[in-house]
Amino acid sequence: EELFVAEEEIKAQNEELAIAHDQIAAERQRY
């Protein structure tokens, strides 16, 4: 169960990192 919770947290963190990556790419393109 703890492993499942940790997996869900990692997925959410991955999604946040993907969004941040897209934002950084957009800012880099704008720059």
PDB file of all heavy atoms in Angstrom:
ATOM      1  N   GLU A   1       0.831  -1.206   0.000  1.00  0.00           N
ATOM      2  CA  GLU A   1       0.000   0.000   0.000  1.00  0.00           C
ATOM      3  C   GLU A   1       0.864   1.254   0.000  1.00  0.00           C
ATOM      4  O   GLU A   1       0.603   2.225  -0.724  1.00  0.00           O
ATOM      5  CB  GLU A   1      -0.916  -0.013   1.218  1.00  0.00           C
ATOM      6  CG  GLU A   1      -2.023  -1.053   1.126  1.00  0.00           C
ATOM      7  CD  GLU A   1      -2.850  -1.122   2.395  1.00  0.00           C
ATOM      8  OE1 GLU A   1      -2.524  -0.354   3.345  1.00  0.00           O
ATOM      9  OE2 GLU A   1      -3.804  -1.908   2.444  1.00  0.00           O
ATOM     10  N   GLU A   2       1.895   1.262   0.844  1.00  0.00           N
ATOM     11  CA  GLU A   2       2.804   2.415   0.869  1.00  0.00           C
ATOM     12  C   GLU A   2       3.510   2.583  -0.465  1.00  0.00           C
ATOM     13  O   GLU A   2       3.750   3.700  -0.941  1.00  0.00           O
ATOM     14  CB  GLU A   2       3.829   2.233   1.993  1.00  0.00           C
ATOM     15  CG  GLU A   2       3.217   2.318   3.381  1.00  0.00           C
ATOM     16  CD  GLU A   2       4.253   2.103   4.460  1.00  0.00           C
ATOM     17  OE1 GLU A   2       5.446   1.899   4.106  1.00  0.00           O
ATOM     18  OE2 GLU A   2       3.899   2.161   5.652  1.00  0.00           O
ATOM     19  N   LEU A   3       3.843   1.448  -1.074  1.00  0.00           N
ATOM     20  CA  LEU A   3       4.491   1.485  -2.380  1.00  0.00           C
ATOM     21  C   LEU A   3       3.561   2.057  -3.430  1.00  0.00           C
ATOM     22  O   LEU A   3       3.969   2.840  -4.290  1.00  0.00           O
ATOM     23  CB  LEU A   3       4.937   0.072  -2.771  1.00  0.00           C
ATOM     24  CG  LEU A   3       5.832  -0.056  -4.008  1.00  0.00           C
ATOM     25  CD1 LEU A   3       7.149   0.683  -3.765  1.00  0.00           C
ATOM     26  CD2 LEU A   3       6.110  -1.516  -4.330  1.00  0.00           C
ATOM     27  N   PHE A   4       2.278   1.715  -3.339  1.00  0.00           N
ATOM     28  CA  PHE A   4       1.294   2.242  -4.286  1.00  0.00           C
ATOM     29  C   PHE A   4       1.151   3.756  -4.127  1.00  0.00           C
ATOM     30  O   PHE A   4       1.098   4.506  -5.100  1.00  0.00           O
ATOM     31  CB  PHE A   4      -0.048   1.544  -4.055  1.00  0.00           C
ATOM     32  CG  PHE A   4      -1.147   2.080  -4.933  1.00  0.00           C
ATOM     33  CD1 PHE A   4      -1.221   1.741  -6.281  1.00  0.00           C
ATOM     34  CD2 PHE A   4      -2.110   2.949  -4.419  1.00  0.00           C
ATOM     35  CE1 PHE A   4      -2.228   2.241  -7.084  1.00  0.00           C
ATOM     36  CE2 PHE A   4      -3.118   3.455  -5.232  1.00  0.00           C
ATOM     37  CZ  PHE A   4      -3.174   3.100  -6.564  1.00  0.00           C
ATOM     38  N   VAL A   5       1.099   4.222  -2.857  1.00  0.00           N
ATOM     39  CA  VAL A   5       1.010   5.676  -2.597  1.00  0.00           C
ATOM     40  C   VAL A   5       2.232   6.404  -3.149  1.00  0.00           C
ATOM     41  O   VAL A   5       2.136   7.465  -3.780  1.00  0.00           O
ATOM     42  CB  VAL A   5       0.855   5.934  -1.092  1.00  0.00           C
ATOM     43  CG1 VAL A   5       0.953   7.438  -0.798  1.00  0.00           C
ATOM     44  CG2 VAL A   5      -0.471   5.395  -0.586  1.00  0.00           C
ATOM     45  N   ALA A   6       3.396   5.829  -2.899  1.00  0.00           N
ATOM     46  CA  ALA A   6       4.625   6.448  -3.404  1.00  0.00           C
ATOM     47  C   ALA A   6       4.625   6.510  -4.920  1.00  0.00           C
ATOM     48  O   ALA A   6       5.080   7.486  -5.533  1.00  0.00           O
ATOM     49  CB  ALA A   6       5.837   5.671  -2.895  1.00  0.00           C
ATOM     50  N   GLU A   7       4.085   5.454  -5.549  1.00  0.00           N
ATOM     51  CA  GLU A   7       4.014   5.438  -7.017  1.00  0.00           C
ATOM     52  C   GLU A   7       3.114   6.552  -7.529  1.00  0.00           C
ATOM     53  O   GLU A   7       3.438   7.235  -8.510  1.00  0.00           O
ATOM     54  CB  GLU A   7       3.504   4.074  -7.474  1.00  0.00           C
ATOM     55  CG  GLU A   7       3.446   3.947  -9.005  1.00  0.00           C
ATOM     56  CD  GLU A   7       2.851   2.619  -9.433  1.00  0.00           C
ATOM     57  OE1 GLU A   7       2.299   1.889  -8.583  1.00  0.00           O
ATOM     58  OE2 GLU A   7       2.916   2.320 -10.631  1.00  0.00           O
ATOM     59  N   GLU A   8       1.970   6.783  -6.847  1.00  0.00           N
ATOM     60  CA  GLU A   8       1.055   7.851  -7.258  1.00  0.00           C
ATOM     61  C   GLU A   8       1.715   9.225  -7.098  1.00  0.00           C
ATOM     62  O   GLU A   8       1.561  10.103  -7.944  1.00  0.00           O
ATOM     63  CB  GLU A   8      -0.228   7.781  -6.414  1.00  0.00           C
ATOM     64  CG  GLU A   8      -1.096   6.565  -6.688  1.00  0.00           C
ATOM     65  CD  GLU A   8      -1.588   6.542  -8.129  1.00  0.00           C
ATOM     66  OE1 GLU A   8      -1.933   7.625  -8.642  1.00  0.00           O
ATOM     67  OE2 GLU A   8      -1.628   5.452  -8.723  1.00  0.00           O
ATOM     68  N   GLU A   9       2.444   9.410  -6.001  1.00  0.00           N
ATOM     69  CA  GLU A   9       3.138  10.676  -5.792  1.00  0.00           C
ATOM     70  C   GLU A   9       4.188  10.925  -6.871  1.00  0.00           C
ATOM     71  O   GLU A   9       4.366  12.045  -7.352  1.00  0.00           O
ATOM     72  CB  GLU A   9       3.782  10.694  -4.399  1.00  0.00           C
ATOM     73  CG  GLU A   9       2.782  10.750  -3.257  1.00  0.00           C
ATOM     74  CD  GLU A   9       3.460  10.730  -1.902  1.00  0.00           C
ATOM     75  OE1 GLU A   9       4.700  10.566  -1.877  1.00  0.00           O
ATOM     76  OE2 GLU A   9       2.760  10.901  -0.884  1.00  0.00           O
ATOM     77  N   ILE A  10       4.890   9.863  -7.239  1.00  0.00           N
ATOM     78  CA  ILE A  10       5.909   9.998  -8.288  1.00  0.00           C
ATOM     79  C   ILE A  10       5.273  10.333  -9.621  1.00  0.00           C
ATOM     80  O   ILE A  10       5.790  11.151 -10.394  1.00  0.00           O
ATOM     81  CB  ILE A  10       6.748   8.707  -8.370  1.00  0.00           C
ATOM     82  CG1 ILE A  10       7.628   8.580  -7.120  1.00  0.00           C
ATOM     83  CG2 ILE A  10       7.610   8.703  -9.622  1.00  0.00           C
ATOM     84  CD1 ILE A  10       8.364   7.271  -7.036  1.00  0.00           C
ATOM     85  N   LYS A  11       4.114   9.732  -9.906  1.00  0.00           N
ATOM     86  CA  LYS A  11       3.411  10.072 -11.158  1.00  0.00           C
ATOM     87  C   LYS A  11       3.001  11.547 -11.181  1.00  0.00           C
ATOM     88  O   LYS A  11       3.154  12.234 -12.199  1.00  0.00           O
ATOM     89  CB  LYS A  11       2.180   9.177 -11.303  1.00  0.00           C
ATOM     90  CG  LYS A  11       2.482   7.737 -11.670  1.00  0.00           C
ATOM     91  CD  LYS A  11       1.188   6.936 -11.819  1.00  0.00           C
ATOM     92  CE  LYS A  11       1.480   5.489 -12.212  1.00  0.00           C
ATOM     93  NZ  LYS A  11       0.231   4.687 -12.331  1.00  0.00           N
ATOM     94  N   ALA A  12       2.451  12.015 -10.031  1.00  0.00           N
ATOM     95  CA  ALA A  12       2.068  13.434  -9.956  1.00  0.00           C
ATOM     96  C   ALA A  12       3.275  14.349 -10.128  1.00  0.00           C
ATOM     97  O   ALA A  12       3.219  15.379 -10.820  1.00  0.00           O
ATOM     98  CB  ALA A  12       1.372  13.716  -8.623  1.00  0.00           C
ATOM     99  N   GLN A  13       4.401  13.953  -9.489  1.00  0.00           N
ATOM    100  CA  GLN A  13       5.620  14.744  -9.616  1.00  0.00           C
ATOM    101  C   GLN A  13       6.118  14.742 -11.046  1.00  0.00           C
ATOM    102  O   GLN A  13       6.588  15.758 -11.560  1.00  0.00           O
ATOM    103  CB  GLN A  13       6.692  14.193  -8.677  1.00  0.00           C
ATOM    104  CG  GLN A  13       7.939  15.055  -8.590  1.00  0.00           C
ATOM    105  CD  GLN A  13       7.674  16.356  -7.874  1.00  0.00           C
ATOM    106  OE1 GLN A  13       6.735  16.457  -7.081  1.00  0.00           O
ATOM    107  NE2 GLN A  13       8.464  17.375  -8.150  1.00  0.00           N
ATOM    108  N   ASN A  14       5.979  13.592 -11.715  1.00  0.00           N
ATOM    109  CA  ASN A  14       6.379  13.511 -13.128  1.00  0.00           C
ATOM    110  C   ASN A  14       5.554  14.455 -13.998  1.00  0.00           C
ATOM    111  O   ASN A  14       6.070  15.091 -14.913  1.00  0.00           O
ATOM    112  CB  ASN A  14       6.239  12.068 -13.628  1.00  0.00           C
ATOM    113  CG  ASN A  14       7.433  11.214 -13.252  1.00  0.00           C
ATOM    114  OD1 ASN A  14       8.526  11.731 -13.040  1.00  0.00           O
ATOM    115  ND2 ASN A  14       7.233   9.900 -13.158  1.00  0.00           N
ATOM    116  N   GLU A  15       4.250  14.521 -13.708  1.00  0.00           N
ATOM    117  CA  GLU A  15       3.386  15.425 -14.464  1.00  0.00           C
ATOM    118  C   GLU A  15       3.792  16.881 -14.237  1.00  0.00           C
ATOM    119  O   GLU A  15       3.829  17.684 -15.172  1.00  0.00           O
ATOM    120  CB  GLU A  15       1.936  15.208 -14.053  1.00  0.00           C
ATOM    121  CG  GLU A  15       1.374  13.865 -14.502  1.00  0.00           C
ATOM    122  CD  GLU A  15      -0.051  13.646 -14.010  1.00  0.00           C
ATOM    123  OE1 GLU A  15      -0.564  14.551 -13.313  1.00  0.00           O
ATOM    124  OE2 GLU A  15      -0.643  12.593 -14.335  1.00  0.00           O
ATOM    125  N   GLU A  16       4.077  17.241 -12.981  1.00  0.00           N
ATOM    126  CA  GLU A  16       4.526  18.603 -12.680  1.00  0.00           C
ATOM    127  C   GLU A  16       5.837  18.916 -13.392  1.00  0.00           C
ATOM    128  O   GLU A  16       6.033  20.015 -13.937  1.00  0.00           O
ATOM    129  CB  GLU A  16       4.701  18.791 -11.178  1.00  0.00           C
ATOM    130  CG  GLU A  16       3.401  18.761 -10.402  1.00  0.00           C
ATOM    131  CD  GLU A  16       3.624  18.947  -8.914  1.00  0.00           C
ATOM    132  OE1 GLU A  16       4.797  19.172  -8.515  1.00  0.00           O
ATOM    133  OE2 GLU A  16       2.648  18.860  -8.141  1.00  0.00           O
ATOM    134  N   LEU A  17       6.750  17.957 -13.380  1.00  0.00           N
ATOM    135  CA  LEU A  17       8.034  18.168 -14.063  1.00  0.00           C
ATOM    136  C   LEU A  17       7.837  18.333 -15.561  1.00  0.00           C
ATOM    137  O   LEU A  17       8.527  19.129 -16.212  1.00  0.00           O
ATOM    138  CB  LEU A  17       8.971  16.994 -13.773  1.00  0.00           C
ATOM    139  CG  LEU A  17       9.562  16.939 -12.363  1.00  0.00           C
ATOM    140  CD1 LEU A  17      10.360  15.646 -12.177  1.00  0.00           C
ATOM    141  CD2 LEU A  17      10.462  18.148 -12.117  1.00  0.00           C
ATOM    142  N   ALA A  18       6.869  17.559 -16.127  1.00  0.00           N
ATOM    143  CA  ALA A  18       6.602  17.689 -17.564  1.00  0.00           C
ATOM    144  C   ALA A  18       6.066  19.071 -17.899  1.00  0.00           C
ATOM    145  O   ALA A  18       6.460  19.691 -18.897  1.00  0.00           O
ATOM    146  CB  ALA A  18       5.615  16.604 -18.006  1.00  0.00           C
ATOM    147  N   ILE A  19       5.148  19.577 -17.034  1.00  0.00           N
ATOM    148  CA  ILE A  19       4.608  20.930 -17.252  1.00  0.00           C
ATOM    149  C   ILE A  19       5.715  21.969 -17.128  1.00  0.00           C
ATOM    150  O   ILE A  19       5.822  22.905 -17.942  1.00  0.00           O
ATOM    151  CB  ILE A  19       3.474  21.209 -16.237  1.00  0.00           C
ATOM    152  CG1 ILE A  19       2.286  20.292 -16.522  1.00  0.00           C
ATOM    153  CG2 ILE A  19       3.056  22.674 -16.301  1.00  0.00           C
ATOM    154  CD1 ILE A  19       1.197  20.359 -15.448  1.00  0.00           C
ATOM    155  N   ALA A  20       6.540  21.821 -16.081  1.00  0.00           N
ATOM    156  CA  ALA A  20       7.647  22.767 -15.889  1.00  0.00           C
ATOM    157  C   ALA A  20       8.606  22.716 -17.070  1.00  0.00           C
ATOM    158  O   ALA A  20       9.121  23.755 -17.519  1.00  0.00           O
ATOM    159  CB  ALA A  20       8.385  22.449 -14.584  1.00  0.00           C
ATOM    160  N   HIS A  21       8.843  21.536 -17.597  1.00  0.00           N
ATOM    161  CA  HIS A  21       9.732  21.388 -18.749  1.00  0.00           C
ATOM    162  C   HIS A  21       9.169  22.122 -19.962  1.00  0.00           C
ATOM    163  O   HIS A  21       9.898  22.810 -20.695  1.00  0.00           O
ATOM    164  CB  HIS A  21       9.929  19.904 -19.066  1.00  0.00           C
ATOM    165  CG  HIS A  21      10.848  19.660 -20.227  1.00  0.00           C
ATOM    166  ND1 HIS A  21      10.389  19.606 -21.530  1.00  0.00           N
ATOM    167  CD2 HIS A  21      12.204  19.491 -20.287  1.00  0.00           C
ATOM    168  CE1 HIS A  21      11.408  19.398 -22.334  1.00  0.00           C
ATOM    169  NE2 HIS A  21      12.525  19.319 -21.614  1.00  0.00           N
ATOM    170  N   ASP A  22       7.837  21.980 -20.177  1.00  0.00           N
ATOM    171  CA  ASP A  22       7.209  22.688 -21.300  1.00  0.00           C
ATOM    172  C   ASP A  22       7.305  24.202 -21.122  1.00  0.00           C
ATOM    173  O   ASP A  22       7.539  24.943 -22.083  1.00  0.00           O
ATOM    174  CB  ASP A  22       5.743  22.268 -21.422  1.00  0.00           C
ATOM    175  CG  ASP A  22       5.595  20.815 -21.854  1.00  0.00           C
ATOM    176  OD1 ASP A  22       6.574  20.268 -22.416  1.00  0.00           O
ATOM    177  OD2 ASP A  22       4.516  20.237 -21.636  1.00  0.00           O
ATOM    178  N   GLN A  23       7.109  24.662 -19.873  1.00  0.00           N
ATOM    179  CA  GLN A  23       7.209  26.099 -19.611  1.00  0.00           C
ATOM    180  C   GLN A  23       8.613  26.613 -19.859  1.00  0.00           C
ATOM    181  O   GLN A  23       8.810  27.686 -20.445  1.00  0.00           O
ATOM    182  CB  GLN A  23       6.783  26.399 -18.176  1.00  0.00           C
ATOM    183  CG  GLN A  23       5.304  26.183 -17.914  1.00  0.00           C
ATOM    184  CD  GLN A  23       4.953  26.374 -16.454  1.00  0.00           C
ATOM    185  OE1 GLN A  23       5.826  26.382 -15.588  1.00  0.00           O
ATOM    186  NE2 GLN A  23       3.652  26.519 -16.171  1.00  0.00           N
ATOM    187  N   ILE A  24       9.593  25.832 -19.404  1.00  0.00           N
ATOM    188  CA  ILE A  24      10.986  26.239 -19.624  1.00  0.00           C
ATOM    189  C   ILE A  24      11.303  26.276 -21.113  1.00  0.00           C
ATOM    190  O   ILE A  24      11.976  27.192 -21.602  1.00  0.00           O
ATOM    191  CB  ILE A  24      11.935  25.272 -18.885  1.00  0.00           C
ATOM    192  CG1 ILE A  24      11.782  25.441 -17.369  1.00  0.00           C
ATOM    193  CG2 ILE A  24      13.381  25.514 -19.290  1.00  0.00           C
ATOM    194  CD1 ILE A  24      12.522  24.403 -16.560  1.00  0.00           C
ATOM    195  N   ALA A  25      10.781  25.289 -21.855  1.00  0.00           N
ATOM    196  CA  ALA A  25      11.021  25.259 -23.307  1.00  0.00           C
ATOM    197  C   ALA A  25      10.378  26.465 -23.984  1.00  0.00           C
ATOM    198  O   ALA A  25      10.971  27.072 -24.885  1.00  0.00           O
ATOM    199  CB  ALA A  25      10.471  23.954 -23.882  1.00  0.00           C
ATOM    200  N   ALA A  26       9.156  26.837 -23.525  1.00  0.00           N
ATOM    201  CA  ALA A  26       8.479  28.005 -24.110  1.00  0.00           C
ATOM    202  C   ALA A  26       9.246  29.286 -23.798  1.00  0.00           C
ATOM    203  O   ALA A  26       9.405  30.156 -24.673  1.00  0.00           O
ATOM    204  CB  ALA A  26       7.051  28.094 -23.570  1.00  0.00           C
ATOM    205  N   GLU A  27       9.725  29.414 -22.544  1.00  0.00           N
ATOM    206  CA  GLU A  27      10.505  30.595 -22.172  1.00  0.00           C
ATOM    207  C   GLU A  27      11.810  30.662 -22.955  1.00  0.00           C
ATOM    208  O   GLU A  27      12.242  31.732 -23.388  1.00  0.00           O
ATOM    209  CB  GLU A  27      10.803  30.570 -20.668  1.00  0.00           C
ATOM    210  CG  GLU A  27       9.610  30.879 -19.787  1.00  0.00           C
ATOM    211  CD  GLU A  27       9.102  32.293 -19.993  1.00  0.00           C
ATOM    212  OE1 GLU A  27       9.928  33.211 -20.166  1.00  0.00           O
ATOM    213  OE2 GLU A  27       7.878  32.481 -20.018  1.00  0.00           O
ATOM    214  N   ARG A  28      12.439  29.495 -23.142  1.00  0.00           N
ATOM    215  CA  ARG A  28      13.685  29.465 -23.915  1.00  0.00           C
ATOM    216  C   ARG A  28      13.424  29.889 -25.360  1.00  0.00           C
ATOM    217  O   ARG A  28      14.215  30.641 -25.944  1.00  0.00           O
ATOM    218  CB  ARG A  28      14.287  28.067 -23.856  1.00  0.00           C
ATOM    219  CG  ARG A  28      15.632  27.976 -24.589  1.00  0.00           C
ATOM    220  CD  ARG A  28      16.233  26.586 -24.490  1.00  0.00           C
ATOM    221  NE  ARG A  28      16.671  26.298 -23.118  1.00  0.00           N
ATOM    222  CZ  ARG A  28      16.107  25.411 -22.327  1.00  0.00           C
ATOM    223  NH1 ARG A  28      15.054  24.713 -22.746  1.00  0.00           N
ATOM    224  NH2 ARG A  28      16.561  25.196 -21.100  1.00  0.00           N
ATOM    225  N   GLN A  29      12.284  29.441 -25.921  1.00  0.00           N
ATOM    226  CA  GLN A  29      11.955  29.814 -27.287  1.00  0.00           C
ATOM    227  C   GLN A  29      11.676  31.316 -27.379  1.00  0.00           C
ATOM    228  O   GLN A  29      12.090  31.986 -28.329  1.00  0.00           O
ATOM    229  CB  GLN A  29      10.721  29.023 -27.758  1.00  0.00           C
ATOM    230  CG  GLN A  29      10.261  29.350 -29.174  1.00  0.00           C
ATOM    231  CD  GLN A  29      11.295  28.977 -30.219  1.00  0.00           C
ATOM    232  OE1 GLN A  29      12.104  28.076 -29.996  1.00  0.00           O
ATOM    233  NE2 GLN A  29      11.277  29.678 -31.345  1.00  0.00           N
ATOM    234  N   ARG A  30      10.963  31.827 -26.368  1.00  0.00           N
ATOM    235  CA  ARG A  30      10.665  33.262 -26.346  1.00  0.00           C
ATOM    236  C   ARG A  30      11.953  34.075 -26.230  1.00  0.00           C
ATOM    237  O   ARG A  30      12.134  35.085 -26.926  1.00  0.00           O
ATOM    238  CB  ARG A  30       9.742  33.572 -25.172  1.00  0.00           C
ATOM    239  CG  ARG A  30       9.353  35.031 -25.028  1.00  0.00           C
ATOM    240  CD  ARG A  30       8.288  35.207 -23.948  1.00  0.00           C
ATOM    241  NE  ARG A  30       8.030  36.603 -23.692  1.00  0.00           N
ATOM    242  CZ  ARG A  30       8.691  37.344 -22.810  1.00  0.00           C
ATOM    243  NH1 ARG A  30       9.679  36.797 -22.107  1.00  0.00           N
ATOM    244  NH2 ARG A  30       8.393  38.620 -22.631  1.00  0.00           N
ATOM    245  N   TYR A  31      12.834  33.631 -25.334  1.00  0.00           N
ATOM    246  CA  TYR A  31      14.120  34.323 -25.191  1.00  0.00           C
ATOM    247  C   TYR A  31      14.897  34.282 -26.504  1.00  0.00           C
ATOM    248  O   TYR A  31      15.500  35.282 -26.916  1.00  0.00           O
ATOM    249  CB  TYR A  31      14.933  33.661 -24.080  1.00  0.00           C
ATOM    250  CG  TYR A  31      16.402  34.027 -24.117  1.00  0.00           C
ATOM    251  CD1 TYR A  31      16.848  35.266 -23.659  1.00  0.00           C
ATOM    252  CD2 TYR A  31      17.348  33.143 -24.643  1.00  0.00           C
ATOM    253  CE1 TYR A  31      18.189  35.606 -23.714  1.00  0.00           C
ATOM    254  CE2 TYR A  31      18.683  33.477 -24.697  1.00  0.00           C
ATOM    255  CZ  TYR A  31      19.106  34.704 -24.235  1.00  0.00           C
ATOM    256  OH  TYR A  31      20.418  35.040 -24.288  1.00  0.00           O
TER     257      TYR A  31
END
